[in-house]
Amino acid sequence: MRAFVFDSYKHPLHEADVAEPTVGDHDVLVQVAAAGVNQLDEKIRFGEFKRILHYSLPLTLGHDLAGTVIRTGSKVRGFQAGDAVYARLRDHRIGTFAERIAVHESDLAPSPTSVSLAEAASLPLVSLTAWQALVVLGDVQPGQKVLIHAGSGGVGTIAIQLAKHLGAFVATTASGRNADFLRDLGSDVVIDHRTQDFTQELSDYDFVLDSLGGENLAKSLRVLKRGGKAIGISGPPTPAFAKKAGLNPILRLAIRGLSRKVRAQAAQAGVSYEFLFMQASGEQLRQIAELVDARAIRPVVGRTFPFAQTPEALASLSVAGTRGKTVITLT
């Protein structure tokens, strides 16, 4: 079947003829209709996670999909041929830039019925990231103040809507030209990152979702009230993450050093910092699908590319200006 792979780290993505998927007892074979494109795909191609995620090369990229069930493994009970589904595949099982893929049943969920499969494919990774940050780790409550950075991006557009659904007062940073769009998604305050310093505009926040890292994360700690929490999805990773991931002692020591400064800054400010490396979850995707069908969350697809232009779709992530997600369509 057709797929898009890379042969060595930092080498270009290209089309290849690869073997049909092997379907295990708990797997579901899916005909891919659309695949979301994520920065994680590009980071893996560049080898940024090769010490944490050990992949054999060549590797088919792609973490998100929406499509139709072809058949199921012998022990699968929750899905059947013809079902419309969506998923973010677990690490070491990725490869949605392909015509077909076998997905573990626990990563899979029925697709939202109120949106197209292309829109559904835009959701899994970013909506799970927002859910695990705001609901699981952040425990965001009604009336709390939440800051979401990069509001017009893939994670940001979903996180704003989810935070608003949870009853939070929401601020976001973005380009000023996106202000009306972000207010329409539910943001109460939009900070133009080009002309405004968010640390001068915001204070006493309960929660920050940071997707930028570096100095932006350090500054974010300063807008939190004591007891507040910052969640970073761009790093630096923390010792708690390294332990949970089962990394070797040398990597754990390196990660401790990488995050020492920000952890010390958080402690001094009386706040906490956690690193989120999102996990696949079909159960959470079922809850997210309910919110989509209830119109509490709407997908934001900025660009679509045909399957033959998958390398161009991946390259487009480096060009600023796209709202929401980029999606590859196979139908």
Protein backbone atom coordinates (compact mmCIF):
# COMPACT_ATOMS: atom_id res chain seq x y z
CA MET A 1 0.00 0.00 0.00
CA ARG A 2 1.00 3.65 -0.36
CA ALA A 3 2.57 5.41 2.60
CA PHE A 4 4.91 8.32 3.36
CA VAL A 5 8.11 7.43 5.17
CA PHE A 6 11.54 8.81 5.97
CA ASP A 7 14.65 6.61 5.80
CA SER A 8 17.04 8.41 8.14
CA TYR A 9 16.73 11.25 10.64
CA LYS A 10 16.61 14.67 8.96
CA HIS A 11 16.04 13.04 5.57
CA PRO A 12 12.97 14.06 3.54
CA LEU A 13 9.60 12.37 3.68
CA HIS A 14 8.81 10.39 0.52
CA GLU A 15 6.20 8.02 -0.84
CA ALA A 16 6.90 4.29 -0.58
CA ASP A 17 5.16 0.98 -1.12
CA VAL A 18 4.93 -0.66 2.31
CA ALA A 19 3.49 -3.91 3.59
CA GLU A 20 -0.15 -4.18 4.61
CA PRO A 21 -0.71 -3.83 8.39
CA THR A 22 -0.74 -6.88 10.63
CA VAL A 23 -3.98 -7.00 12.62
CA GLY A 24 -3.61 -8.35 16.17
CA ASP A 25 -6.39 -9.77 18.34
CA HIS A 26 -7.12 -6.36 19.89
CA ASP A 27 -6.49 -4.32 16.74
CA VAL A 28 -8.87 -2.59 14.36
CA LEU A 29 -7.92 -2.24 10.67
CA VAL A 30 -8.87 1.25 9.50
CA GLN A 31 -9.11 2.69 6.00
CA VAL A 32 -7.63 6.14 6.49
CA ALA A 33 -9.82 8.93 5.11
CA ALA A 34 -7.82 11.82 6.58
CA ALA A 35 -4.76 12.34 8.77
CA GLY A 36 -3.90 15.31 10.96
CA VAL A 37 -0.41 16.78 10.62
CA ASN A 38 1.42 17.71 13.83
CA GLN A 39 4.65 19.36 14.88
CA LEU A 40 5.41 16.07 16.64
CA ASP A 41 5.73 14.39 13.23
CA GLU A 42 8.39 16.86 12.15
CA LYS A 43 10.20 16.65 15.48
CA ILE A 44 10.37 12.87 15.16
CA ARG A 45 11.71 13.17 11.60
CA PHE A 46 14.45 15.47 12.87
CA GLY A 47 15.35 13.02 15.65
CA GLU A 48 14.42 15.30 18.53
CA PHE A 49 12.82 12.43 20.47
CA LYS A 50 15.06 9.56 19.42
CA ARG A 51 16.45 9.15 22.95
CA ILE A 52 12.91 8.77 24.30
CA LEU A 53 11.03 7.17 21.39
CA HIS A 54 13.06 4.37 19.87
CA TYR A 55 11.77 3.85 16.33
CA SER A 56 13.17 1.56 13.66
CA LEU A 57 13.80 3.25 10.33
CA PRO A 58 12.44 3.68 7.72
CA LEU A 59 9.35 4.95 9.55
CA THR A 60 5.89 5.88 8.36
CA LEU A 61 4.88 9.13 10.06
CA GLY A 62 1.46 10.29 11.23
CA HIS A 63 -0.26 10.19 14.64
CA ASP A 64 -3.86 11.24 13.92
CA LEU A 65 -6.52 9.69 11.74
CA ALA A 66 -10.18 9.54 10.89
CA GLY A 67 -11.53 6.77 8.73
CA THR A 68 -13.65 3.66 8.40
CA VAL A 69 -13.24 0.26 10.02
CA ILE A 70 -12.42 -2.49 7.51
CA ARG A 71 -12.25 -5.40 9.95
CA THR A 72 -11.42 -6.17 13.57
CA GLY A 73 -9.21 -8.54 15.51
CA SER A 74 -10.74 -11.64 17.06
CA LYS A 75 -11.05 -10.13 20.57
CA VAL A 76 -12.41 -6.70 19.60
CA ARG A 77 -15.99 -6.14 20.70
CA GLY A 78 -16.58 -2.40 20.52
CA PHE A 79 -16.16 -1.83 16.78
CA GLN A 80 -17.33 -3.41 13.55
CA ALA A 81 -16.75 -3.01 9.82
CA GLY A 82 -18.18 0.23 8.48
CA ASP A 83 -17.84 2.26 11.70
CA ALA A 84 -16.57 5.82 11.31
CA VAL A 85 -13.71 6.24 13.81
CA TYR A 86 -10.92 8.58 14.84
CA ALA A 87 -7.74 8.14 16.89
CA ARG A 88 -4.38 9.36 18.02
CA LEU A 89 -2.22 6.27 17.81
CA ARG A 90 -0.03 5.36 20.76
CA ASP A 91 3.72 5.82 20.51
CA HIS A 92 5.48 3.00 18.65
CA ARG A 93 2.27 2.29 16.70
CA ILE A 94 2.19 5.47 14.61
CA GLY A 95 1.94 5.59 10.81
CA THR A 96 -1.29 7.30 9.72
CA PHE A 97 0.30 8.80 6.60
CA ALA A 98 -0.76 5.60 4.85
CA GLU A 99 -3.81 4.13 3.16
CA ARG A 100 -4.53 1.68 5.97
CA ILE A 101 -3.35 1.09 9.53
CA ALA A 102 -4.01 -1.29 12.42
CA VAL A 103 -5.02 0.58 15.58
CA HIS A 104 -5.26 -0.85 19.09
CA GLU A 105 -8.91 -0.75 20.09
CA SER A 106 -8.21 1.27 23.26
CA ASP A 107 -6.78 4.14 21.18
CA LEU A 108 -9.86 4.31 18.96
CA ALA A 109 -13.24 6.04 19.36
CA PRO A 110 -16.33 6.61 17.23
CA SER A 111 -15.85 9.77 15.21
CA PRO A 112 -18.01 12.80 16.06
CA THR A 113 -21.13 12.59 13.88
CA SER A 114 -21.55 16.33 13.35
CA VAL A 115 -18.28 17.01 11.51
CA SER A 116 -16.52 15.69 8.42
CA LEU A 117 -13.83 13.04 8.62
CA ALA A 118 -11.24 15.67 7.68
CA GLU A 119 -12.37 17.79 10.63
CA ALA A 120 -12.39 14.74 12.91
CA ALA A 121 -8.82 13.91 11.84
CA SER A 122 -7.69 17.35 13.01
CA LEU A 123 -8.75 16.65 16.58
CA PRO A 124 -7.11 13.67 18.32
CA LEU A 125 -3.61 14.83 19.31
CA VAL A 126 -4.51 18.45 20.02
CA SER A 127 -7.78 17.70 21.81
CA LEU A 128 -6.17 15.00 23.95
CA THR A 129 -3.37 17.42 24.81
CA ALA A 130 -5.90 20.07 25.86
CA TRP A 131 -7.97 17.52 27.80
CA GLN A 132 -5.02 16.03 29.67
CA ALA A 133 -3.65 19.50 30.49
CA LEU A 134 -6.87 21.21 31.56
CA VAL A 135 -8.96 18.34 32.92
CA VAL A 136 -6.52 15.66 34.09
CA LEU A 137 -3.51 17.67 35.32
CA GLY A 138 -5.01 21.12 35.76
CA ASP A 139 -8.40 20.18 37.22
CA VAL A 140 -9.65 23.53 35.94
CA GLN A 141 -12.77 24.67 37.78
CA PRO A 142 -15.51 27.22 36.98
CA GLY A 143 -14.38 30.79 37.65
CA GLN A 144 -10.66 30.06 37.49
CA LYS A 145 -8.40 32.18 35.31
CA VAL A 146 -6.61 30.30 32.53
CA LEU A 147 -3.91 31.53 30.14
CA ILE A 148 -3.40 29.59 26.91
CA HIS A 149 -0.44 30.56 24.77
CA ALA A 150 -0.45 30.45 20.96
CA GLY A 151 -4.22 30.52 20.87
CA SER A 152 -4.59 30.32 17.08
CA GLY A 153 -2.56 27.10 16.80
CA GLY A 154 -3.77 23.53 16.81
CA VAL A 155 -3.68 23.01 20.57
CA GLY A 156 -4.65 26.58 21.37
CA THR A 157 -7.87 26.66 19.35
CA ILE A 158 -9.17 23.53 21.11
CA ALA A 159 -7.84 24.45 24.57
CA ILE A 160 -9.60 27.83 24.51
CA GLN A 161 -12.92 26.15 23.75
CA LEU A 162 -12.43 23.43 26.35
CA ALA A 163 -11.40 25.91 29.05
CA LYS A 164 -14.48 28.00 28.30
CA HIS A 165 -16.67 24.89 28.47
CA LEU A 166 -15.18 24.18 31.90
CA GLY A 167 -16.30 27.63 33.04
CA ALA A 168 -12.92 29.36 33.12
CA PHE A 169 -12.07 32.98 32.36
CA VAL A 170 -9.72 32.59 29.39
CA ALA A 171 -6.83 34.71 28.16
CA THR A 172 -4.65 33.87 25.20
CA THR A 173 -1.63 35.17 23.30
CA ALA A 174 -1.60 35.40 19.52
CA SER A 175 -1.12 37.74 16.60
CA GLY A 176 -3.45 40.72 16.80
CA ARG A 177 -5.04 39.86 13.45
CA ASN A 178 -6.51 36.74 15.06
CA ALA A 179 -8.14 38.60 17.96
CA ASP A 180 -11.73 38.50 16.68
CA PHE A 181 -11.39 34.85 15.67
CA LEU A 182 -10.12 33.91 19.14
CA ARG A 183 -12.83 35.87 20.91
CA ASP A 184 -15.34 33.96 18.82
CA LEU A 185 -13.80 30.71 20.09
CA GLY A 186 -14.36 31.90 23.66
CA SER A 187 -11.28 33.84 24.74
CA ASP A 188 -12.12 36.72 27.10
CA VAL A 189 -8.75 38.46 26.68
CA VAL A 190 -6.46 38.38 23.64
CA ILE A 191 -2.88 39.59 24.10
CA ASP A 192 -1.07 40.59 20.89
CA HIS A 193 2.32 38.96 21.41
CA ARG A 194 3.91 41.35 18.92
CA THR A 195 2.95 44.56 20.69
CA GLN A 196 2.06 43.59 24.27
CA ASP A 197 3.89 41.92 27.15
CA PHE A 198 1.47 39.47 28.70
CA THR A 199 3.24 39.74 32.08
CA GLN A 200 2.23 43.42 32.19
CA GLU A 201 -1.38 42.68 31.26
CA LEU A 202 -2.19 39.56 33.30
CA SER A 203 -1.86 38.54 36.96
CA ASP A 204 -3.25 36.13 39.56
CA TYR A 205 -3.95 33.33 37.08
CA ASP A 206 -4.69 29.82 38.26
CA PHE A 207 -3.37 27.92 35.26
CA VAL A 208 -1.12 28.39 32.22
CA LEU A 209 -0.84 26.08 29.22
CA ASP A 210 2.50 26.83 27.55
CA SER A 211 3.32 25.46 24.12
CA LEU A 212 6.37 27.63 23.46
CA GLY A 213 8.86 26.84 26.24
CA GLY A 214 12.04 28.75 26.99
CA GLU A 215 11.69 32.33 28.19
CA ASN A 216 7.95 32.28 27.50
CA LEU A 217 7.52 29.54 30.10
CA ALA A 218 9.67 31.40 32.64
CA LYS A 219 7.58 34.55 32.13
CA SER A 220 4.38 32.53 32.43
CA LEU A 221 5.26 31.54 36.00
CA ARG A 222 5.11 35.23 36.94
CA VAL A 223 1.43 35.64 36.03
CA LEU A 224 0.33 32.76 38.26
CA LYS A 225 -0.99 33.32 41.74
CA ARG A 226 0.55 31.30 44.57
CA GLY A 227 -0.56 27.71 44.26
CA GLY A 228 -1.11 28.09 40.50
CA LYS A 229 0.10 25.60 37.94
CA ALA A 230 1.90 25.80 34.60
CA ILE A 231 1.78 22.90 32.16
CA GLY A 232 4.42 22.82 29.43
CA ILE A 233 4.06 20.77 26.25
CA SER A 234 7.31 21.93 24.61
CA GLY A 235 9.51 21.25 27.60
CA PRO A 236 11.65 21.09 29.45
CA PRO A 237 10.74 17.58 30.61
CA THR A 238 10.88 16.95 34.35
CA PRO A 239 12.26 14.17 36.58
CA ALA A 240 8.68 13.04 37.23
CA PHE A 241 8.16 12.57 33.49
CA ALA A 242 11.47 10.72 33.13
CA LYS A 243 10.54 8.33 35.94
CA LYS A 244 7.08 7.67 34.52
CA ALA A 245 8.54 7.08 31.06
CA GLY A 246 11.03 4.55 32.46
CA LEU A 247 14.03 6.33 31.00
CA ASN A 248 17.53 5.13 31.81
CA PRO A 249 19.50 6.74 34.69
CA ILE A 250 21.71 8.82 32.38
CA LEU A 251 18.72 10.35 30.63
CA ARG A 252 17.00 10.95 33.96
CA LEU A 253 20.06 12.85 35.18
CA ALA A 254 20.17 14.91 31.98
CA ILE A 255 16.48 15.75 32.22
CA ARG A 256 16.87 16.76 35.85
CA GLY A 257 19.51 19.24 34.74
CA LEU A 258 17.44 20.56 31.82
CA SER A 259 14.48 21.41 34.03
CA ARG A 260 16.35 22.50 37.17
CA LYS A 261 16.11 26.22 36.42
CA VAL A 262 12.38 26.33 35.67
CA ARG A 263 11.57 24.08 38.64
CA ALA A 264 13.54 26.40 40.91
CA GLN A 265 11.78 29.44 39.47
CA ALA A 266 8.40 27.79 40.05
CA ALA A 267 9.27 26.87 43.64
CA GLN A 268 10.46 30.40 44.36
CA ALA A 269 7.18 31.81 43.01
CA GLY A 270 5.09 29.36 45.03
CA VAL A 271 3.67 27.69 41.92
CA SER A 272 4.14 24.34 40.23
CA TYR A 273 5.37 23.24 36.80
CA GLU A 274 4.62 19.95 35.04
CA PHE A 275 5.64 18.64 31.64
CA LEU A 276 2.92 16.94 29.60
CA PHE A 277 3.77 14.28 27.03
CA MET A 278 0.30 13.41 25.80
CA GLN A 279 -0.92 9.79 25.92
CA ALA A 280 -3.32 8.09 23.50
CA SER A 281 -6.80 7.45 24.92
CA GLY A 282 -9.88 6.23 23.11
CA GLU A 283 -11.93 6.77 26.26
CA GLN A 284 -11.04 10.46 26.39
CA LEU A 285 -11.72 10.80 22.66
CA ARG A 286 -15.26 9.49 23.26
CA GLN A 287 -15.83 12.31 25.76
CA ILE A 288 -14.34 14.83 23.36
CA ALA A 289 -16.61 13.57 20.55
CA GLU A 290 -19.61 14.23 22.80
CA LEU A 291 -18.44 17.83 23.29
CA VAL A 292 -17.99 18.26 19.54
CA ASP A 293 -21.47 16.93 18.80
CA ALA A 294 -22.88 19.18 21.53
CA ARG A 295 -21.22 22.16 19.75
CA ALA A 296 -19.06 22.91 22.80
CA ILE A 297 -15.93 22.34 20.68
CA ARG A 298 -15.57 22.88 16.96
CA PRO A 299 -12.60 21.70 14.91
CA VAL A 300 -10.49 24.36 13.24
CA VAL A 301 -8.92 23.20 9.97
CA GLY A 302 -6.70 25.85 8.43
CA ARG A 303 -5.37 23.93 5.42
CA THR A 304 -5.91 20.63 3.67
CA PHE A 305 -3.59 18.78 1.28
CA PRO A 306 -4.22 15.74 -0.92
CA PHE A 307 -2.39 12.55 0.09
CA ALA A 308 0.14 12.93 -2.74
CA GLN A 309 1.27 16.23 -1.20
CA THR A 310 1.97 14.86 2.28
CA PRO A 311 5.58 16.15 2.30
CA GLU A 312 4.31 19.63 1.42
CA ALA A 313 1.73 19.41 4.20
CA LEU A 314 4.46 18.60 6.72
CA ALA A 315 6.69 21.39 5.40
CA SER A 316 3.82 23.88 5.70
CA LEU A 317 3.99 23.63 9.50
CA SER A 318 7.10 25.80 9.46
CA VAL A 319 5.17 28.67 7.85
CA ALA A 320 3.39 30.85 10.38
CA GLY A 321 -0.16 32.00 9.85
CA THR A 322 -2.27 28.84 9.63
CA ARG A 323 -5.17 28.81 12.05
CA GLY A 324 -5.81 25.49 13.74
CA LYS A 325 -4.71 22.29 12.05
CA THR A 326 -3.37 21.08 8.74
CA VAL A 327 -4.99 17.89 7.44
CA ILE A 328 -4.13 15.39 4.70
CA THR A 329 -7.11 13.90 2.83
CA LEU A 330 -7.12 10.49 1.19
CA THR A 331 -10.67 10.52 -0.17
